[in-house]
Amino acid sequence: MPKSSNQKRRILYLAQLLLKQTDENHYLSQVQLSQLLAQQGLDGERKSLYNDLAHLRQMGLDVEFVRGKGYHVPNRLFQLAELKLLVDSVQASKFITYKKSMELIKKLESLTSVYQAQQLQRQVFVAGRVKTMNESVYYNIDQIHAAIGQNRQIGFRYFEYTVEKKRRFRHDGAQYRISPFALAWEDENYYMLGFDSQAGILKHYRVDKMSDISLLALPREGGEQFRQLDTADYTRKVFSMFGGEEELVQLRFQNRLIGVAMDRFGKDVTVFPKEDETFEIYTRVVLSPQFYGWIFALGDGVRILSPETAVRGMEKQLQKALPLYNQPDNPIGFFKGV
């Protein structure tokens, strides 16, 4: 092998050794580096080694020498704590399948030493977390981003699951044609926000329920409508991304639920403290069964005060559910007509 080619291979292998086998707590001595290079048929002579290390430093690799220990790379693009955070996010993410999670974590492990990679092999358990069954969601997101970047519409089919756990395509499998503008993360699912030209309105779609996405040779429409939309405000108002009528509602909470209110409506929500260990807020929300379900989950800690449509809507949801639990002698038949 020509000398210049051998030198290039040696410096690349040296960088690989330092990145994979050293970190802030693990070192390789000059003797160890020379031996490892020699095992690959590369020159490990001290002077050549010093020159290569100097070149690596000049190229930005943080190679440090500690007397009595040896050489190591203490700092990298990602610190261990940052990689742990990314791994935890991947593990906990509902929209990433188990298989894809493992692939991504393996790639994250390659960004640190073999010793620190062992600390990334962790399992994050989140109550009620079920990974998506749709492996293609990962690529759907990429296609949507590509369409947004190229200012193009997309075509896709949209499905739901039957009780047999089979896909059933909506609109008899007909293609949807939508102008995508943004992706939103809400209630642990990815949603695409896009403009439906036929309906003339902005709509949202669960990304993991989209199939056969294709980029169309048509420019996007609805740009003006999207520019008038505050995406963060939109996802805050629409509980679990279910549609309905938007209303300004008045809610009264027990003081112990201030954190819950801020988590849902933001830290900027105006709070009106009351004398009976409660507080009130006014906020715009989309009235839907999911909104009422969120209220119900807080028990006697929250009450809808106005408007009357929201109060009656909550009452109606409670009345619909009550018959299911009023007829203990008829555990099957009481579901008729629901």
Protein backbone atom coordinates (compact mmCIF):
# COMPACT_ATOMS: atom_id res chain seq x y z
CA MET A 1 0.00 0.00 0.00
CA PRO A 2 1.41 3.44 -0.89
CA LYS A 3 2.78 5.39 2.07
CA SER A 4 0.32 8.31 1.72
CA SER A 5 -2.65 5.93 1.63
CA ASN A 6 -1.33 4.14 4.70
CA GLN A 7 -0.99 7.45 6.55
CA LYS A 8 -4.61 8.39 5.74
CA ARG A 9 -5.87 5.03 6.96
CA ARG A 10 -3.78 5.32 10.14
CA ILE A 11 -5.09 8.74 11.12
CA LEU A 12 -8.69 7.67 10.44
CA TYR A 13 -8.27 4.51 12.50
CA LEU A 14 -6.61 6.50 15.30
CA ALA A 15 -9.58 8.88 15.42
CA GLN A 16 -11.94 5.90 15.53
CA LEU A 17 -9.98 4.32 18.39
CA LEU A 18 -10.07 7.48 20.47
CA LEU A 19 -13.77 8.10 19.87
CA LYS A 20 -14.88 4.52 20.58
CA GLN A 21 -12.53 3.44 23.36
CA THR A 22 -11.95 6.62 25.34
CA ASP A 23 -14.10 9.16 27.13
CA GLU A 24 -13.83 11.41 30.19
CA ASN A 25 -13.06 8.38 32.39
CA HIS A 26 -11.26 5.99 30.01
CA TYR A 27 -7.82 6.46 28.44
CA LEU A 28 -5.39 4.80 26.02
CA SER A 29 -1.67 5.11 26.60
CA GLN A 30 0.85 5.76 23.86
CA VAL A 31 1.92 2.10 24.09
CA GLN A 32 -1.66 0.87 23.79
CA LEU A 33 -2.34 3.11 20.79
CA SER A 34 0.83 1.89 19.07
CA GLN A 35 -0.11 -1.75 19.71
CA LEU A 36 -3.64 -1.30 18.40
CA LEU A 37 -2.35 0.40 15.27
CA ALA A 38 0.20 -2.36 14.73
CA GLN A 39 -2.59 -4.98 14.93
CA GLN A 40 -4.07 -3.32 11.85
CA GLY A 41 -0.75 -3.37 10.03
CA LEU A 42 -0.27 0.36 10.59
CA ASP A 43 2.83 2.21 11.71
CA GLY A 44 2.59 2.88 15.44
CA GLU A 45 5.98 4.54 15.81
CA ARG A 46 5.97 7.27 18.47
CA LYS A 47 6.85 10.21 16.21
CA SER A 48 4.18 9.28 13.63
CA LEU A 49 1.66 8.88 16.40
CA TYR A 50 2.41 12.32 17.85
CA ASN A 51 2.11 13.92 14.39
CA ASP A 52 -1.27 12.24 13.81
CA LEU A 53 -2.58 13.35 17.19
CA ALA A 54 -1.54 16.91 16.41
CA HIS A 55 -3.39 16.73 13.08
CA LEU A 56 -6.53 15.45 14.80
CA ARG A 57 -6.43 18.36 17.24
CA GLN A 58 -6.03 20.79 14.34
CA MET A 59 -9.12 19.25 12.75
CA GLY A 60 -11.16 19.91 15.90
CA LEU A 61 -11.05 16.57 17.70
CA ASP A 62 -10.71 17.23 21.44
CA VAL A 63 -7.75 14.91 22.15
CA GLU A 64 -6.35 15.45 25.63
CA PHE A 65 -3.29 13.93 27.30
CA VAL A 66 -3.33 13.29 31.04
CA ARG A 67 -0.01 12.37 32.63
CA GLY A 68 -0.04 8.90 34.12
CA LYS A 69 -3.22 7.90 32.27
CA GLY A 70 -2.87 8.56 28.56
CA TYR A 71 -4.93 10.06 25.76
CA HIS A 72 -8.68 10.47 25.64
CA VAL A 73 -11.51 12.48 24.07
CA PRO A 74 -13.34 14.09 27.01
CA ASN A 75 -15.77 16.25 25.00
CA ARG A 76 -17.92 15.40 22.01
CA LEU A 77 -20.74 16.91 19.99
CA PHE A 78 -23.23 15.25 22.36
CA GLN A 79 -22.57 14.85 26.07
CA LEU A 80 -23.69 11.63 27.80
CA ALA A 81 -26.55 13.38 29.61
CA GLU A 82 -27.84 14.73 26.28
CA LEU A 83 -27.72 11.27 24.69
CA LYS A 84 -29.58 9.80 27.67
CA LEU A 85 -32.29 12.41 27.18
CA LEU A 86 -32.59 11.55 23.48
CA VAL A 87 -32.71 7.80 24.22
CA ASP A 88 -35.41 8.32 26.84
CA SER A 89 -37.43 10.39 24.38
CA VAL A 90 -37.18 7.71 21.70
CA GLN A 91 -38.11 4.96 24.15
CA ALA A 92 -41.10 6.87 25.49
CA SER A 93 -42.35 8.10 22.13
CA LYS A 94 -45.62 6.48 21.17
CA PHE A 95 -45.42 7.19 17.45
CA ILE A 96 -42.07 5.36 16.97
CA THR A 97 -42.43 1.59 16.73
CA TYR A 98 -40.38 -0.71 18.95
CA LYS A 99 -38.25 -1.85 16.00
CA LYS A 100 -37.50 1.70 14.87
CA SER A 101 -36.78 2.72 18.48
CA MET A 102 -34.08 0.08 18.74
CA GLU A 103 -32.54 1.16 15.42
CA LEU A 104 -32.42 4.81 16.48
CA ILE A 105 -30.95 4.01 19.89
CA LYS A 106 -28.25 1.91 18.24
CA LYS A 107 -27.31 4.92 16.12
CA LEU A 108 -27.24 7.17 19.18
CA GLU A 109 -24.89 4.71 20.88
CA SER A 110 -22.42 5.19 18.03
CA LEU A 111 -22.03 8.84 19.08
CA THR A 112 -20.17 7.98 22.26
CA SER A 113 -17.60 5.49 23.61
CA VAL A 114 -18.34 1.78 24.05
CA TYR A 115 -18.32 2.33 27.82
CA GLN A 116 -20.85 5.15 27.83
CA ALA A 117 -22.96 3.35 25.20
CA GLN A 118 -23.70 0.70 27.84
CA GLN A 119 -25.38 3.41 29.94
CA LEU A 120 -27.69 4.19 27.03
CA GLN A 121 -29.10 0.66 27.04
CA ARG A 122 -31.91 1.64 29.36
CA GLN A 123 -35.61 0.98 29.39
CA VAL A 124 -38.11 3.76 29.97
CA PHE A 125 -41.49 2.62 31.24
CA VAL A 126 -44.38 5.03 30.85
CA ALA A 127 -47.82 4.15 32.18
CA GLY A 128 -50.31 3.33 29.45
CA ARG A 129 -47.74 3.75 26.67
CA VAL A 130 -48.44 1.63 23.61
CA LYS A 131 -46.12 1.87 20.64
CA THR A 132 -47.69 2.53 17.27
CA MET A 133 -48.44 -0.45 15.03
CA ASN A 134 -47.64 1.53 11.89
CA GLU A 135 -43.97 1.26 10.98
CA SER A 136 -44.36 3.68 8.06
CA VAL A 137 -45.08 6.69 10.32
CA TYR A 138 -41.33 7.39 10.46
CA TYR A 139 -41.22 7.75 6.67
CA ASN A 140 -44.57 9.54 6.48
CA ILE A 141 -43.08 12.37 8.53
CA ASP A 142 -40.13 12.58 6.13
CA GLN A 143 -42.46 12.73 3.11
CA ILE A 144 -44.56 15.49 4.69
CA HIS A 145 -41.47 17.55 5.48
CA ALA A 146 -40.30 17.08 1.89
CA ALA A 147 -43.64 18.32 0.55
CA ILE A 148 -43.57 21.37 2.83
CA GLY A 149 -39.99 22.15 1.79
CA GLN A 150 -40.86 21.84 -1.91
CA ASN A 151 -44.19 23.69 -1.60
CA ARG A 152 -46.15 20.74 -3.00
CA GLN A 153 -49.44 19.06 -2.22
CA ILE A 154 -49.58 15.43 -1.14
CA GLY A 155 -51.91 12.56 -1.88
CA PHE A 156 -52.61 9.80 0.64
CA ARG A 157 -55.19 7.35 1.89
CA TYR A 158 -56.56 7.56 5.42
CA PHE A 159 -57.59 4.58 7.53
CA GLU A 160 -58.99 3.48 10.86
CA TYR A 161 -58.93 0.09 12.60
CA THR A 162 -61.84 -2.33 12.82
CA VAL A 163 -62.54 -4.58 15.83
CA GLU A 164 -60.71 -7.31 13.88
CA LYS A 165 -57.64 -5.04 14.03
CA LYS A 166 -57.75 -4.62 10.26
CA ARG A 167 -57.29 -1.39 8.38
CA ARG A 168 -60.42 0.14 6.90
CA PHE A 169 -59.80 3.02 4.53
CA ARG A 170 -62.08 6.01 4.69
CA HIS A 171 -63.90 7.30 1.60
CA ASP A 172 -63.70 3.76 0.18
CA GLY A 173 -59.95 4.11 -0.17
CA ALA A 174 -60.11 7.26 -2.30
CA GLN A 175 -57.07 9.49 -2.29
CA TYR A 176 -57.06 12.61 -0.12
CA ARG A 177 -55.40 15.67 -1.71
CA ILE A 178 -54.08 18.09 0.91
CA SER A 179 -51.62 20.99 1.10
CA PRO A 180 -49.44 20.25 4.18
CA PHE A 181 -48.18 23.16 6.27
CA ALA A 182 -47.06 21.86 9.67
CA LEU A 183 -46.65 18.87 11.96
CA ALA A 184 -48.01 19.09 15.47
CA TRP A 185 -47.32 16.89 18.49
CA GLU A 186 -50.43 16.55 20.65
CA ASP A 187 -51.60 13.91 23.14
CA GLU A 188 -48.55 11.79 22.23
CA ASN A 189 -49.47 11.58 18.55
CA TYR A 190 -48.17 13.32 15.44
CA TYR A 191 -50.70 15.30 13.41
CA MET A 192 -50.34 16.96 10.04
CA LEU A 193 -52.03 20.34 9.64
CA GLY A 194 -53.02 20.97 6.06
CA PHE A 195 -55.43 22.80 3.78
CA ASP A 196 -58.25 20.89 2.12
CA SER A 197 -58.94 22.81 -1.11
CA GLN A 198 -62.21 21.03 -1.74
CA ALA A 199 -63.62 21.92 1.69
CA GLY A 200 -61.82 25.28 1.77
CA ILE A 201 -60.62 24.83 5.37
CA LEU A 202 -57.60 23.73 7.39
CA LYS A 203 -57.80 20.19 8.76
CA HIS A 204 -55.58 17.86 10.78
CA TYR A 205 -54.76 14.18 10.24
CA ARG A 206 -53.07 11.53 12.40
CA VAL A 207 -49.78 10.79 10.66
CA ASP A 208 -49.76 7.13 11.76
CA LYS A 209 -53.13 6.64 10.01
CA MET A 210 -51.92 8.00 6.69
CA SER A 211 -50.92 5.52 3.99
CA ASP A 212 -49.42 5.61 0.49
CA ILE A 213 -48.22 9.22 0.73
CA SER A 214 -47.06 10.71 -2.55
CA LEU A 215 -45.84 14.16 -3.52
CA LEU A 216 -48.05 15.69 -6.19
CA ALA A 217 -46.96 18.03 -8.98
CA LEU A 218 -49.27 20.71 -7.62
CA PRO A 219 -48.30 23.81 -5.60
CA ARG A 220 -49.76 24.14 -2.12
CA GLU A 221 -52.94 26.11 -1.56
CA GLY A 222 -54.30 27.76 1.59
CA GLY A 223 -51.17 29.65 2.53
CA GLU A 224 -53.11 32.73 3.61
CA GLN A 225 -55.38 30.69 5.89
CA PHE A 226 -52.39 29.00 7.50
CA ARG A 227 -50.55 32.29 8.08
CA GLN A 228 -53.54 33.46 10.12
CA LEU A 229 -53.36 30.36 12.31
CA ASP A 230 -51.41 30.26 15.58
CA THR A 231 -50.38 26.59 15.57
CA ALA A 232 -49.47 26.44 19.26
CA ASP A 233 -52.76 28.11 20.19
CA TYR A 234 -54.63 25.72 17.90
CA THR A 235 -53.23 22.59 19.58
CA ARG A 236 -53.91 24.05 23.02
CA LYS A 237 -57.56 24.69 22.27
CA VAL A 238 -58.27 21.39 20.50
CA PHE A 239 -58.22 18.56 23.04
CA SER A 240 -56.74 15.39 21.54
CA MET A 241 -57.18 17.07 18.14
CA PHE A 242 -60.95 16.45 18.06
CA GLY A 243 -62.98 19.12 16.32
CA GLY A 244 -66.00 21.05 17.55
CA GLU A 245 -67.25 24.55 18.26
CA GLU A 246 -64.76 26.98 19.81
CA GLU A 247 -66.01 28.82 22.89
CA LEU A 248 -64.66 31.10 25.59
CA VAL A 249 -65.16 29.03 28.75
CA GLN A 250 -64.96 30.00 32.42
CA LEU A 251 -63.51 27.28 34.66
CA ARG A 252 -63.19 27.15 38.44
CA PHE A 253 -60.38 24.96 39.87
CA GLN A 254 -59.33 23.99 43.35
CA ASN A 255 -55.98 25.61 44.15
CA ARG A 256 -54.22 22.22 44.23
CA LEU A 257 -54.79 21.95 40.45
CA ILE A 258 -52.91 25.11 39.46
CA GLY A 259 -50.11 23.00 37.96
CA VAL A 260 -52.61 20.97 35.92
CA ALA A 261 -54.21 24.17 34.59
CA MET A 262 -50.85 25.66 33.58
CA ASP A 263 -49.74 22.41 31.93
CA ARG A 264 -52.88 22.44 29.79
CA PHE A 265 -53.40 26.16 29.10
CA GLY A 266 -49.88 27.55 29.47
CA LYS A 267 -48.09 29.61 32.09
CA ASP A 268 -49.43 32.83 30.61
CA VAL A 269 -53.05 31.99 31.41
CA THR A 270 -54.65 34.67 33.61
CA VAL A 271 -55.60 33.33 37.05
CA PHE A 272 -58.30 34.91 39.25
CA PRO A 273 -57.83 33.70 42.88
CA LYS A 274 -60.94 33.29 45.02
CA GLU A 275 -61.38 33.27 48.81
CA ASP A 276 -62.48 29.62 49.07
CA GLU A 277 -59.17 28.00 48.01
CA THR A 278 -60.18 28.09 44.36
CA PHE A 279 -59.25 30.09 41.28
CA GLU A 280 -60.92 30.82 37.95
CA ILE A 281 -59.60 31.11 34.42
CA TYR A 282 -61.11 32.15 31.10
CA THR A 283 -59.78 30.36 28.04
CA ARG A 284 -60.88 29.49 24.52
CA VAL A 285 -61.32 25.78 23.84
CA VAL A 286 -63.01 23.59 21.27
CA LEU A 287 -65.98 21.88 22.92
CA SER A 288 -65.74 18.14 22.30
CA PRO A 289 -66.21 14.85 24.19
CA GLN A 290 -62.44 14.87 24.78
CA PHE A 291 -62.63 18.26 26.51
CA TYR A 292 -65.46 17.05 28.73
CA GLY A 293 -63.52 13.86 29.43
CA TRP A 294 -60.54 15.92 30.58
CA ILE A 295 -62.84 17.89 32.92
CA PHE A 296 -64.39 14.68 34.26
CA ALA A 297 -60.95 13.16 34.96
CA LEU A 298 -60.28 15.98 37.44
CA GLY A 299 -63.34 14.98 39.49
CA ASP A 300 -64.62 17.61 41.91
CA GLY A 301 -61.47 19.67 41.40
CA VAL A 302 -62.87 21.66 38.48
CA ARG A 303 -66.25 22.97 37.33
CA ILE A 304 -67.42 24.60 34.11
CA LEU A 305 -69.16 27.89 34.98
CA SER A 306 -69.93 29.26 31.52
CA PRO A 307 -71.07 29.47 28.80
CA GLU A 308 -74.36 27.65 29.14
CA THR A 309 -73.62 25.56 26.03
CA ALA A 310 -70.50 24.13 27.71
CA VAL A 311 -72.33 23.48 30.99
CA ARG A 312 -75.16 21.67 29.19
CA GLY A 313 -72.62 19.83 27.03
CA MET A 314 -70.92 18.45 30.13
CA GLU A 315 -74.26 17.48 31.61
CA LYS A 316 -75.19 15.66 28.39
CA GLN A 317 -71.95 13.66 28.40
CA LEU A 318 -72.57 12.56 31.99
CA GLN A 319 -76.16 11.58 31.23
CA LYS A 320 -75.04 9.52 28.21
CA ALA A 321 -72.63 7.52 30.34
CA LEU A 322 -74.86 7.03 33.39
CA PRO A 323 -77.18 4.34 31.91
CA LEU A 324 -74.18 2.10 31.31
CA TYR A 325 -73.76 1.75 35.07
CA ASN A 326 -77.41 1.86 36.19
CA GLN A 327 -78.45 -1.63 35.09
CA PRO A 328 -76.29 -4.23 36.85
CA ASP A 329 -78.76 -7.02 35.96
CA ASN A 330 -78.31 -6.44 32.24
CA PRO A 331 -74.54 -6.28 31.62
CA ILE A 332 -74.81 -6.90 27.88
CA GLY A 333 -78.13 -5.50 26.79
CA PHE A 334 -77.60 -2.01 28.19
CA PHE A 335 -75.15 -1.25 25.43
CA LYS A 336 -77.93 -1.38 22.85
CA GLY A 337 -78.43 1.94 21.16
CA VAL A 338 -75.22 3.48 22.52
